[in-house]
């Protein structure tokens, strides 16, 4: 089941995220944030952007969210996306389904561009993004240092809707969270 993340999901989300911090360069975060910080991230982000989880039998197995790409107002119609899947739940199609729902929710809000930022070589993330019709948009060379080495970061981009001119304002996630349209997306 796909649903909106809740504050009480923080511990499960932190447990999924922790190995990416401690064992990989998938994220450039280097310190575990802790459950309370994760709870605050969820609650803060949910006002403007979607944060979704995949739950089975009461257990959160994956999560995906969007966040602001850059601070300037001209960037309001583009958002960065992230997805993390529990190691034991991979290779089951969860990522593609959850990520697709996230992109549909972003479109519902009026966001017209999604950006995936991937630590290279990132074969699994690249494959997911390209399967979801993202296209390569560039590489930031030696963008981050983690685990004793420098890492390139690739950027993938997907147009969710043709930009209107002038554009309608993006709707905050909180304004669509209880809508029938969102419930239809989550209930597929």
Protein backbone atom coordinates (compact mmCIF):
# COMPACT_ATOMS: atom_id res chain seq x y z
CA UNK A 1 0.00 0.00 0.00
CA UNK A 2 1.23 3.48 -0.85
CA UNK A 3 0.32 6.23 1.60
CA UNK A 4 1.47 9.61 2.87
CA UNK A 5 4.30 9.40 5.39
CA UNK A 6 3.47 10.13 9.02
CA UNK A 7 5.62 11.28 11.93
CA UNK A 8 5.48 7.80 13.44
CA UNK A 9 7.22 6.41 10.31
CA UNK A 10 10.44 8.20 11.26
CA UNK A 11 12.07 5.20 12.92
CA UNK A 12 11.39 2.85 9.99
CA UNK A 13 12.46 5.50 7.47
CA UNK A 14 15.64 6.16 9.44
CA UNK A 15 16.41 2.42 9.46
CA UNK A 16 16.04 2.24 5.66
CA UNK A 17 18.19 5.36 5.17
CA UNK A 18 20.98 4.59 7.69
CA UNK A 19 22.92 2.04 5.56
CA UNK A 20 23.00 4.53 2.66
CA UNK A 21 24.74 6.98 4.99
CA UNK A 22 27.15 4.62 6.72
CA UNK A 23 28.00 2.18 3.92
CA UNK A 24 27.63 3.99 0.59
CA UNK A 25 28.00 7.27 -1.26
CA UNK A 26 24.39 7.10 -2.48
CA UNK A 27 23.77 10.05 -0.18
CA UNK A 28 26.43 12.58 0.74
CA UNK A 29 25.02 12.84 4.24
CA UNK A 30 27.76 11.54 6.55
CA UNK A 31 26.17 11.56 10.01
CA UNK A 32 23.07 9.60 10.99
CA UNK A 33 20.34 12.19 11.58
CA UNK A 34 18.50 10.20 14.25
CA UNK A 35 14.82 9.39 14.50
CA UNK A 36 13.74 12.77 15.88
CA UNK A 37 15.50 14.68 13.09
CA UNK A 38 13.91 12.35 10.55
CA UNK A 39 10.50 12.99 12.12
CA UNK A 40 11.08 16.74 11.74
CA UNK A 41 12.16 16.31 8.10
CA UNK A 42 8.95 14.45 7.33
CA UNK A 43 6.69 16.96 9.05
CA UNK A 44 8.47 20.00 7.60
CA UNK A 45 8.60 18.69 4.05
CA UNK A 46 4.97 17.52 3.94
CA UNK A 47 3.64 21.06 3.90
CA UNK A 48 5.05 21.81 0.44
CA UNK A 49 6.12 18.47 -1.06
CA UNK A 50 4.95 14.86 -1.06
CA UNK A 51 6.60 12.20 1.09
CA UNK A 52 5.17 8.77 0.38
CA UNK A 53 5.83 5.33 1.87
CA UNK A 54 5.28 1.78 0.70
CA UNK A 55 3.83 -0.27 3.54
CA UNK A 56 3.18 -4.00 3.74
CA UNK A 57 1.68 -5.73 6.77
CA UNK A 58 2.28 -2.63 8.89
CA UNK A 59 5.96 -2.34 7.90
CA UNK A 60 7.42 0.55 5.88
CA UNK A 61 9.60 -0.99 3.15
CA UNK A 62 10.35 2.07 1.02
CA UNK A 63 9.87 5.81 0.87
CA UNK A 64 10.06 8.51 -1.78
CA UNK A 65 9.83 12.26 -1.51
CA UNK A 66 10.26 15.50 -3.40
CA UNK A 67 12.07 18.56 -2.15
CA UNK A 68 12.85 22.06 -3.30
CA UNK A 69 15.50 22.08 -6.03
CA UNK A 70 16.85 25.60 -5.43
CA UNK A 71 15.76 28.49 -3.23
CA UNK A 72 14.94 31.10 -5.89
CA UNK A 73 11.24 31.57 -6.72
CA UNK A 74 11.88 31.00 -10.43
CA UNK A 75 12.61 27.33 -9.56
CA UNK A 76 9.17 26.72 -8.00
CA UNK A 77 8.11 24.39 -10.85
CA UNK A 78 11.03 21.97 -10.52
CA UNK A 79 11.67 19.61 -7.62
CA UNK A 80 14.37 17.10 -6.69
CA UNK A 81 13.23 13.55 -6.01
CA UNK A 82 14.63 10.79 -3.79
CA UNK A 83 13.72 7.17 -3.17
CA UNK A 84 15.06 4.55 -0.77
CA UNK A 85 14.02 0.90 -0.57
CA UNK A 86 14.78 -1.50 2.29
CA UNK A 87 17.48 -3.99 1.23
CA UNK A 88 15.13 -6.95 1.71
CA UNK A 89 12.41 -5.40 -0.46
CA UNK A 90 14.44 -4.67 -3.59
CA UNK A 91 13.88 -6.21 -7.03
CA UNK A 92 10.10 -6.47 -6.52
CA UNK A 93 8.95 -3.45 -8.54
CA UNK A 94 8.33 -1.37 -5.42
CA UNK A 95 10.70 1.42 -6.49
CA UNK A 96 9.15 1.87 -9.92
CA UNK A 97 5.58 1.88 -8.58
CA UNK A 98 6.30 4.19 -5.64
CA UNK A 99 8.43 6.56 -7.73
CA UNK A 100 5.77 6.68 -10.45
CA UNK A 101 3.17 7.63 -7.86
CA UNK A 102 5.44 10.34 -6.47
CA UNK A 103 5.86 11.82 -9.96
CA UNK A 104 2.09 11.73 -10.53
CA UNK A 105 1.51 13.54 -7.22
CA UNK A 106 4.06 16.19 -8.18
CA UNK A 107 2.22 16.67 -11.48
CA UNK A 108 -1.05 17.04 -9.56
CA UNK A 109 0.57 19.87 -7.59
CA UNK A 110 1.60 21.66 -10.80
CA UNK A 111 5.29 20.81 -10.63
CA UNK A 112 6.43 20.37 -14.23
CA UNK A 113 10.00 19.09 -13.84
CA UNK A 114 11.53 16.35 -11.68
CA UNK A 115 15.26 16.05 -11.11
CA UNK A 116 17.09 12.98 -9.88
CA UNK A 117 20.62 13.51 -8.54
CA UNK A 118 22.68 10.31 -8.59
CA UNK A 119 26.14 9.54 -7.21
CA UNK A 120 28.00 7.92 -10.08
CA UNK A 121 28.29 5.26 -11.30
CA UNK A 122 24.93 4.51 -9.63
CA UNK A 123 23.88 1.78 -12.07
CA UNK A 124 20.70 0.84 -10.16
CA UNK A 125 19.56 4.47 -9.78
CA UNK A 126 20.42 5.28 -13.39
CA UNK A 127 18.43 2.25 -14.58
CA UNK A 128 15.42 3.25 -12.47
CA UNK A 129 15.46 6.85 -13.66
CA UNK A 130 15.85 5.91 -17.31
CA UNK A 131 13.05 3.31 -16.98
CA UNK A 132 10.90 6.18 -15.65
CA UNK A 133 11.76 8.29 -18.77
CA UNK A 134 14.25 10.60 -17.09
CA UNK A 135 17.02 11.78 -19.42
CA UNK A 136 20.61 12.65 -18.54
CA UNK A 137 21.06 16.37 -17.98
CA UNK A 138 24.72 16.59 -16.97
CA UNK A 139 27.44 15.52 -14.58
CA UNK A 140 29.01 17.47 -11.74
CA UNK A 141 32.62 16.23 -11.63
CA UNK A 142 34.14 15.38 -8.23
CA UNK A 143 31.13 16.96 -6.53
CA UNK A 144 31.44 15.23 -3.18
CA UNK A 145 34.02 13.50 -0.99
CA UNK A 146 32.88 10.52 1.04
CA UNK A 147 34.36 7.16 2.06
CA UNK A 148 37.86 8.33 1.17
CA UNK A 149 37.25 9.33 -2.43
CA UNK A 150 35.74 11.95 -4.73
CA UNK A 151 32.46 11.15 -6.46
CA UNK A 152 30.88 12.49 -9.63
CA UNK A 153 27.18 13.27 -9.49
CA UNK A 154 24.87 12.77 -12.45
CA UNK A 155 21.67 14.72 -12.94
CA UNK A 156 18.62 13.19 -14.62
CA UNK A 157 15.56 15.22 -15.56
CA UNK A 158 11.95 14.42 -16.47
CA UNK A 159 9.32 16.78 -17.78
CA UNK A 160 6.06 16.05 -15.96
CA UNK A 161 4.04 18.62 -17.93
CA UNK A 162 4.70 21.23 -20.59
CA UNK A 163 5.40 24.51 -18.84
CA UNK A 164 2.64 27.08 -19.26
CA UNK A 165 3.46 30.72 -19.84
CA UNK A 166 2.58 32.29 -17.51
CA UNK A 167 2.54 29.31 -15.13
CA UNK A 168 -0.07 28.64 -12.48
CA UNK A 169 1.37 28.65 -8.94
CA UNK A 170 2.42 25.25 -7.64
CA UNK A 171 -0.03 23.93 -5.07
CA UNK A 172 1.43 23.04 -1.69
CA UNK A 173 1.17 19.33 -0.97
CA UNK A 174 -0.89 20.10 2.13
CA UNK A 175 -3.56 21.63 -0.14
CA UNK A 176 -3.94 18.44 -2.22
CA UNK A 177 -3.26 15.84 0.52
CA UNK A 178 -6.93 15.11 1.19
CA UNK A 179 -8.16 15.56 -2.39
CA UNK A 180 -10.00 12.83 -4.26
CA UNK A 181 -7.40 13.09 -7.02
CA UNK A 182 -4.60 12.25 -4.60
CA UNK A 183 -6.59 9.43 -3.01
CA UNK A 184 -7.13 7.97 -6.49
CA UNK A 185 -3.37 8.05 -7.15
CA UNK A 186 -2.58 6.37 -3.83
CA UNK A 187 -5.30 3.78 -4.22
CA UNK A 188 -4.14 2.27 -7.50
